[in-house]
Amino acid sequence: HVRVLGSLRRRLIGDLVVVPRQAADPMWHIRSASRRIRGGEIVVRYDNLDADIRLDARSDLCLRALGCGVYEPQLLAAFRGLVSEGDAINVGANVGVIAIALQREMVPGGRLLCVEPLKECIANLSENLRAAGIDNAMVLRAFAAAQPCDDRPMWTVPGKSEYSSGGPIVHPSVRHRETVVTHVPVIRLDDVVEQHRLRPSIIVLDCEGGEAGALQGAAQTLERFSPVIIAEFDPDLLSANEASSESLLSFLVDLGYQCVMLGTDLEPATPKSHGTVVALPKSSAGVLREHLTAAIRGGVLEFDG
């Protein structure tokens, strides 16, 4: 109905500005009001996820729930086409939105591993999983990288933990905000998979540029199990974490993956791409592409303007 109203508006008044955009744009009002929020937690619900999510009231995840009402519809729809038997790993689990969406699509018996480095997220992550009735998840406070160590620095923006990074924060939404440094233990995914005897069929990563290091630490897992990989792909964030989009794509291709960008057309990923990359094992890429395309086209929510 939003698209129909938008089309009707254009036919009747064209580009005529009846009211300033600030008055007509709900997100403008919500962002303006959010500047007055000084702290505290809030429980929100996204229209495309049947779960209550407790999070920081200052976060952009909160703004997305209040303003847009949905959480990354293409990504959540993609899970319906790609999650299969076996275990799932969510790196950079934050407060559990992705973890819960993953678990909703998992075959009974599969285990879910959530890796999250920040203490302030762990409590809400565990509570949100419990409230969603998920009792098969392992929550591990750690930073996933190519090599383990006792601790390493992470940069975060107070109230906006979703932008936390293992390198200087360069995300345009928060790059001029105050940052604080915290130290976290570092693990290698290969070690965790072996320790817990996991058999991952899918790995989802949102590490604000730490995706390359996390996957390098999972090389043995990728060679042995060939899980589907879904990862945030941002050349600037990768560069801030001493990696590159070229090296990440080469790493995946050398391991036998076909890399496409999440979207209705599933265009091939290039070093200049920006968004969410989906790495499909070449042995099953054709079938998985069909499943992914059907899931996205059946689950995408489109908004006018």
Protein backbone atom coordinates (compact mmCIF):
# COMPACT_ATOMS: atom_id res chain seq x y z
CA HIS A 1 0.00 0.00 0.00
CA VAL A 2 2.95 2.29 0.57
CA ARG A 3 4.04 1.92 -3.06
CA VAL A 4 0.49 2.57 -4.32
CA LEU A 5 0.14 5.72 -2.25
CA GLY A 6 3.54 6.90 -3.41
CA SER A 7 2.62 6.35 -7.05
CA LEU A 8 -0.71 8.16 -6.59
CA ARG A 9 1.05 11.09 -4.91
CA ARG A 10 3.47 11.45 -7.82
CA ARG A 11 0.65 11.34 -10.38
CA LEU A 12 -1.36 14.00 -8.55
CA ILE A 13 1.27 16.49 -7.46
CA GLY A 14 4.52 15.36 -9.07
CA ASP A 15 7.53 16.75 -7.21
CA LEU A 16 5.59 19.55 -5.55
CA VAL A 17 6.68 19.92 -1.93
CA VAL A 18 3.54 20.24 0.17
CA VAL A 19 5.33 19.97 3.53
CA PRO A 20 9.03 19.94 4.36
CA ARG A 21 10.61 16.48 4.29
CA GLN A 22 11.41 16.83 8.00
CA ALA A 23 7.69 16.97 8.73
CA ALA A 24 6.83 13.98 6.52
CA ASP A 25 9.73 11.64 7.25
CA PRO A 26 9.13 9.50 10.38
CA MET A 27 12.81 8.59 10.67
CA TRP A 28 13.77 12.28 10.83
CA HIS A 29 11.52 12.72 13.85
CA ILE A 30 12.77 9.54 15.51
CA ARG A 31 16.43 10.44 15.01
CA SER A 32 15.76 13.90 16.36
CA ALA A 33 14.05 12.50 19.43
CA SER A 34 16.80 9.90 19.95
CA ARG A 35 19.32 12.66 20.65
CA ARG A 36 17.50 13.26 23.91
CA ILE A 37 17.92 9.65 25.06
CA ARG A 38 20.80 9.52 27.52
CA GLY A 39 20.76 5.81 28.35
CA GLY A 40 18.66 2.89 29.49
CA GLU A 41 17.30 -0.20 27.79
CA ILE A 42 14.16 -0.82 25.78
CA VAL A 43 12.39 -3.93 24.51
CA VAL A 44 11.43 -3.73 20.84
CA ARG A 45 9.96 -6.06 18.24
CA TYR A 46 10.60 -6.10 14.51
CA ASP A 47 7.68 -6.93 12.26
CA ASN A 48 9.71 -9.66 10.50
CA LEU A 49 11.02 -11.36 13.66
CA ASP A 50 8.71 -13.01 16.17
CA ALA A 51 10.74 -12.14 19.26
CA ASP A 52 11.13 -9.42 21.85
CA ILE A 53 14.58 -7.83 21.71
CA ARG A 54 16.09 -6.02 24.70
CA LEU A 55 18.71 -3.48 23.66
CA ASP A 56 20.21 -0.07 24.39
CA ALA A 57 17.67 2.67 23.77
CA ARG A 58 20.40 4.79 22.13
CA SER A 59 21.27 2.21 19.48
CA ASP A 60 20.46 2.44 15.80
CA LEU A 61 18.94 -1.03 16.14
CA CYS A 62 16.32 0.62 18.34
CA LEU A 63 15.76 3.39 15.79
CA ARG A 64 15.32 0.81 13.04
CA ALA A 65 12.62 -0.99 15.00
CA LEU A 66 10.75 2.24 15.78
CA GLY A 67 11.16 3.91 12.40
CA CYS A 68 11.29 1.16 9.77
CA GLY A 69 9.63 -1.63 11.74
CA VAL A 70 11.71 -4.37 10.09
CA TYR A 71 15.23 -5.76 10.36
CA GLU A 72 17.14 -6.29 7.09
CA PRO A 73 14.33 -8.12 5.28
CA GLN A 74 16.52 -9.57 2.50
CA LEU A 75 18.96 -11.01 5.00
CA LEU A 76 16.32 -12.64 7.18
CA ALA A 77 14.55 -13.94 4.07
CA ALA A 78 17.84 -15.42 2.85
CA PHE A 79 18.03 -17.65 5.91
CA ARG A 80 14.88 -19.43 4.72
CA GLY A 81 16.70 -20.47 1.57
CA LEU A 82 20.14 -21.25 2.98
CA VAL A 83 19.82 -22.70 6.50
CA SER A 84 19.90 -26.48 6.40
CA GLU A 85 20.79 -29.40 8.66
CA GLY A 86 23.77 -28.96 10.91
CA ASP A 87 24.99 -26.26 13.25
CA ALA A 88 25.08 -22.48 12.81
CA ILE A 89 27.65 -19.89 13.89
CA ASN A 90 26.91 -16.19 14.38
CA VAL A 91 30.03 -14.05 14.78
CA GLY A 92 29.38 -10.57 16.11
CA ALA A 93 26.05 -11.66 17.58
CA ASN A 94 25.46 -8.34 19.39
CA VAL A 95 22.05 -8.65 21.15
CA GLY A 96 20.84 -11.69 19.21
CA VAL A 97 18.62 -10.50 16.36
CA ILE A 98 20.49 -12.56 13.76
CA ALA A 99 20.98 -15.48 16.13
CA ILE A 100 17.25 -15.74 16.79
CA ALA A 101 16.40 -15.46 13.10
CA LEU A 102 18.92 -18.21 12.34
CA GLN A 103 17.57 -20.51 15.01
CA ARG A 104 14.02 -20.07 13.71
CA GLU A 105 15.12 -21.70 10.43
CA MET A 106 17.38 -24.42 11.85
CA VAL A 107 16.51 -28.09 11.69
CA PRO A 108 15.86 -29.56 15.18
CA GLY A 109 19.03 -30.97 16.66
CA GLY A 110 21.32 -28.30 15.27
CA ARG A 111 23.38 -26.21 17.69
CA LEU A 112 23.89 -22.47 17.58
CA LEU A 113 27.16 -20.77 18.52
CA CYS A 114 27.06 -17.03 19.23
CA VAL A 115 30.39 -15.18 19.42
CA GLU A 116 30.18 -11.67 20.86
CA PRO A 117 33.09 -9.67 22.32
CA LEU A 118 31.38 -6.96 24.35
CA LYS A 119 30.26 -7.45 27.95
CA GLU A 120 27.45 -4.93 27.55
CA CYS A 121 25.93 -7.06 24.79
CA ILE A 122 26.36 -10.48 26.39
CA ALA A 123 23.70 -9.95 29.06
CA ASN A 124 21.07 -8.80 26.56
CA LEU A 125 22.10 -11.51 24.09
CA SER A 126 21.62 -14.23 26.68
CA GLU A 127 18.32 -12.74 27.89
CA ASN A 128 16.96 -12.35 24.37
CA LEU A 129 17.83 -15.94 23.50
CA ARG A 130 16.17 -17.17 26.70
CA ALA A 131 13.05 -15.08 26.08
CA ALA A 132 12.85 -16.50 22.55
CA GLY A 133 12.84 -20.02 23.96
CA ILE A 134 16.26 -20.91 22.56
CA ASP A 135 18.06 -23.40 24.78
CA ASN A 136 20.51 -24.89 22.25
CA ALA A 137 22.76 -21.83 21.95
CA MET A 138 26.30 -21.44 23.24
CA VAL A 139 27.30 -17.86 24.01
CA LEU A 140 31.01 -17.12 23.91
CA ARG A 141 32.48 -13.75 24.83
CA ALA A 142 35.40 -13.39 22.45
CA PHE A 143 36.76 -11.73 19.34
CA ALA A 144 37.20 -14.14 16.41
CA ALA A 145 40.48 -13.71 14.52
CA ALA A 146 43.15 -15.58 12.58
CA GLN A 147 45.20 -16.32 15.68
CA PRO A 148 44.14 -16.60 19.34
CA CYS A 149 45.63 -14.46 22.10
CA ASP A 150 44.81 -13.40 25.64
CA ASP A 151 43.26 -10.09 24.67
CA ARG A 152 43.19 -7.34 22.09
CA PRO A 153 41.72 -3.83 21.95
CA MET A 154 38.31 -3.08 20.48
CA TRP A 155 36.78 0.28 19.76
CA THR A 156 33.13 0.96 20.51
CA VAL A 157 30.72 3.88 20.58
CA PRO A 158 28.81 4.24 23.86
CA GLY A 159 25.19 3.22 23.31
CA LYS A 160 25.84 1.97 19.76
CA SER A 161 27.58 -1.34 20.24
CA GLU A 162 26.53 -2.50 16.75
CA TYR A 163 29.38 -0.38 15.34
CA SER A 164 32.10 -1.87 17.56
CA SER A 165 35.23 -2.80 15.65
CA GLY A 166 38.64 -4.35 16.06
CA GLY A 167 40.08 -1.35 14.23
CA PRO A 168 39.46 2.39 14.28
CA ILE A 169 35.77 3.12 13.76
CA VAL A 170 35.22 4.49 10.25
CA HIS A 171 31.54 3.71 9.74
CA PRO A 172 29.95 6.93 8.42
CA SER A 173 27.10 6.75 10.94
CA VAL A 174 29.42 7.08 13.94
CA ARG A 175 32.93 7.96 12.78
CA HIS A 176 32.76 11.37 14.45
CA ARG A 177 31.33 10.03 17.72
CA GLU A 178 33.17 9.52 20.98
CA THR A 179 34.81 6.09 21.18
CA VAL A 180 36.08 3.99 24.05
CA VAL A 181 38.56 1.12 24.03
CA THR A 182 37.93 -2.23 25.69
CA HIS A 183 40.06 -5.37 25.75
CA VAL A 184 38.61 -8.78 24.86
CA PRO A 185 39.91 -12.36 24.58
CA VAL A 186 40.64 -13.62 21.07
CA ILE A 187 39.70 -17.06 19.76
CA ARG A 188 40.10 -18.96 16.51
CA LEU A 189 36.87 -20.44 15.17
CA ASP A 190 38.65 -23.64 14.10
CA ASP A 191 39.58 -24.30 17.72
CA VAL A 192 36.04 -23.71 18.99
CA VAL A 193 34.50 -25.89 16.28
CA GLU A 194 36.87 -28.73 17.13
CA GLN A 195 36.42 -28.34 20.89
CA HIS A 196 32.62 -28.50 20.72
CA ARG A 197 32.49 -30.93 17.78
CA LEU A 198 30.37 -28.59 15.74
CA ARG A 199 29.34 -29.33 12.15
CA PRO A 200 28.47 -25.88 10.82
CA SER A 201 26.34 -25.60 7.71
CA ILE A 202 26.16 -21.79 7.85
CA ILE A 203 28.30 -19.00 9.32
CA VAL A 204 26.97 -15.45 9.56
CA LEU A 205 29.38 -12.64 10.37
CA ASP A 206 28.90 -8.97 11.16
CA CYS A 207 32.21 -7.85 12.65
CA GLU A 208 32.51 -4.28 11.35
CA GLY A 209 35.57 -5.11 9.28
CA GLY A 210 36.79 -8.13 11.23
CA GLU A 211 35.22 -10.64 8.83
CA ALA A 212 38.47 -11.46 7.01
CA GLY A 213 40.36 -12.30 10.20
CA ALA A 214 37.48 -14.36 11.59
CA LEU A 215 37.24 -16.43 8.41
CA GLN A 216 41.00 -16.93 8.20
CA GLY A 217 40.74 -18.45 11.67
CA ALA A 218 38.07 -20.82 10.31
CA ALA A 219 39.99 -22.05 7.24
CA GLN A 220 40.04 -25.69 8.39
CA THR A 221 36.31 -25.53 9.16
CA LEU A 222 35.55 -24.10 5.72
CA GLU A 223 37.62 -26.79 3.98
CA ARG A 224 36.06 -29.61 5.98
CA PHE A 225 32.37 -28.62 6.12
CA SER A 226 31.92 -26.08 3.28
CA PRO A 227 29.31 -24.04 5.18
CA VAL A 228 27.41 -21.23 3.50
CA ILE A 229 28.93 -17.90 4.55
CA ILE A 230 27.02 -14.65 4.88
CA ALA A 231 29.13 -11.65 5.84
CA GLU A 232 29.05 -7.89 5.95
CA PHE A 233 31.26 -6.62 3.11
CA ASP A 234 32.59 -3.08 3.37
CA PRO A 235 36.00 -2.25 1.82
CA ASP A 236 36.56 0.72 4.16
CA LEU A 237 35.82 -1.29 7.30
CA LEU A 238 38.02 -4.15 6.12
CA SER A 239 40.85 -1.72 5.45
CA ALA A 240 40.54 -0.24 8.96
CA ASN A 241 41.03 -3.78 10.27
CA GLU A 242 44.21 -4.32 8.24
CA ALA A 243 42.48 -6.45 5.60
CA SER A 244 41.13 -5.81 2.11
CA SER A 245 38.12 -6.72 0.04
CA GLU A 246 40.42 -8.20 -2.63
CA SER A 247 42.16 -10.54 -0.20
CA LEU A 248 38.89 -11.65 1.40
CA LEU A 249 37.33 -12.56 -1.94
CA SER A 250 40.51 -14.34 -3.07
CA PHE A 251 40.59 -16.30 0.17
CA LEU A 252 37.03 -17.52 -0.34
CA VAL A 253 37.46 -18.30 -4.03
CA ASP A 254 40.62 -20.31 -3.28
CA LEU A 255 38.59 -22.36 -0.82
CA GLY A 256 36.05 -23.20 -3.52
CA TYR A 257 33.37 -20.58 -2.96
CA GLN A 258 31.29 -18.57 -5.39
CA CYS A 259 30.70 -15.08 -3.99
CA VAL A 260 27.61 -13.01 -4.78
CA MET A 261 26.08 -9.90 -3.27
CA LEU A 262 22.82 -10.33 -1.42
CA GLY A 263 20.02 -8.84 -3.52
CA THR A 264 17.36 -9.82 -6.01
CA ASP A 265 19.92 -10.16 -8.84
CA LEU A 266 22.71 -11.91 -6.87
CA GLU A 267 25.40 -10.01 -8.73
CA PRO A 268 28.98 -11.35 -8.48
CA ALA A 269 30.93 -9.80 -5.62
CA THR A 270 33.83 -7.55 -6.61
CA PRO A 271 36.43 -5.70 -4.51
CA LYS A 272 34.33 -2.54 -4.94
CA SER A 273 31.07 -4.15 -3.82
CA HIS A 274 29.39 -2.92 -0.67
CA GLY A 275 26.69 -4.67 1.32
CA THR A 276 26.30 -8.32 2.28
CA VAL A 277 28.30 -11.01 0.53
CA VAL A 278 27.01 -14.57 0.29
CA ALA A 279 29.66 -17.23 -0.30
CA LEU A 280 28.22 -20.44 -1.75
CA PRO A 281 30.19 -23.69 -2.03
CA LYS A 282 30.75 -24.22 -5.76
CA SER A 283 29.70 -27.86 -5.48
CA SER A 284 26.14 -26.80 -4.61
CA ALA A 285 26.11 -23.17 -5.78
CA GLY A 286 23.51 -23.71 -8.51
CA VAL A 287 20.90 -25.21 -6.21
CA LEU A 288 21.65 -22.75 -3.41
CA ARG A 289 21.31 -19.79 -5.79
CA GLU A 290 17.85 -21.02 -6.76
CA HIS A 291 16.83 -21.41 -3.12
CA LEU A 292 18.26 -18.01 -2.24
CA THR A 293 16.58 -16.24 -5.15
CA ALA A 294 13.21 -17.78 -4.31
CA ALA A 295 13.54 -16.89 -0.63
CA ILE A 296 14.50 -13.26 -1.32
CA ARG A 297 11.82 -12.64 -3.93
CA GLY A 298 9.24 -14.17 -1.65
CA GLY A 299 10.35 -12.27 1.43
CA VAL A 300 11.55 -8.83 0.34
CA LEU A 301 9.68 -5.84 1.73
CA GLU A 302 9.85 -2.86 -0.60
CA PHE A 303 9.30 0.70 0.51
CA ASP A 304 8.53 3.68 -1.68
CA GLY A 305 11.01 6.54 -1.25
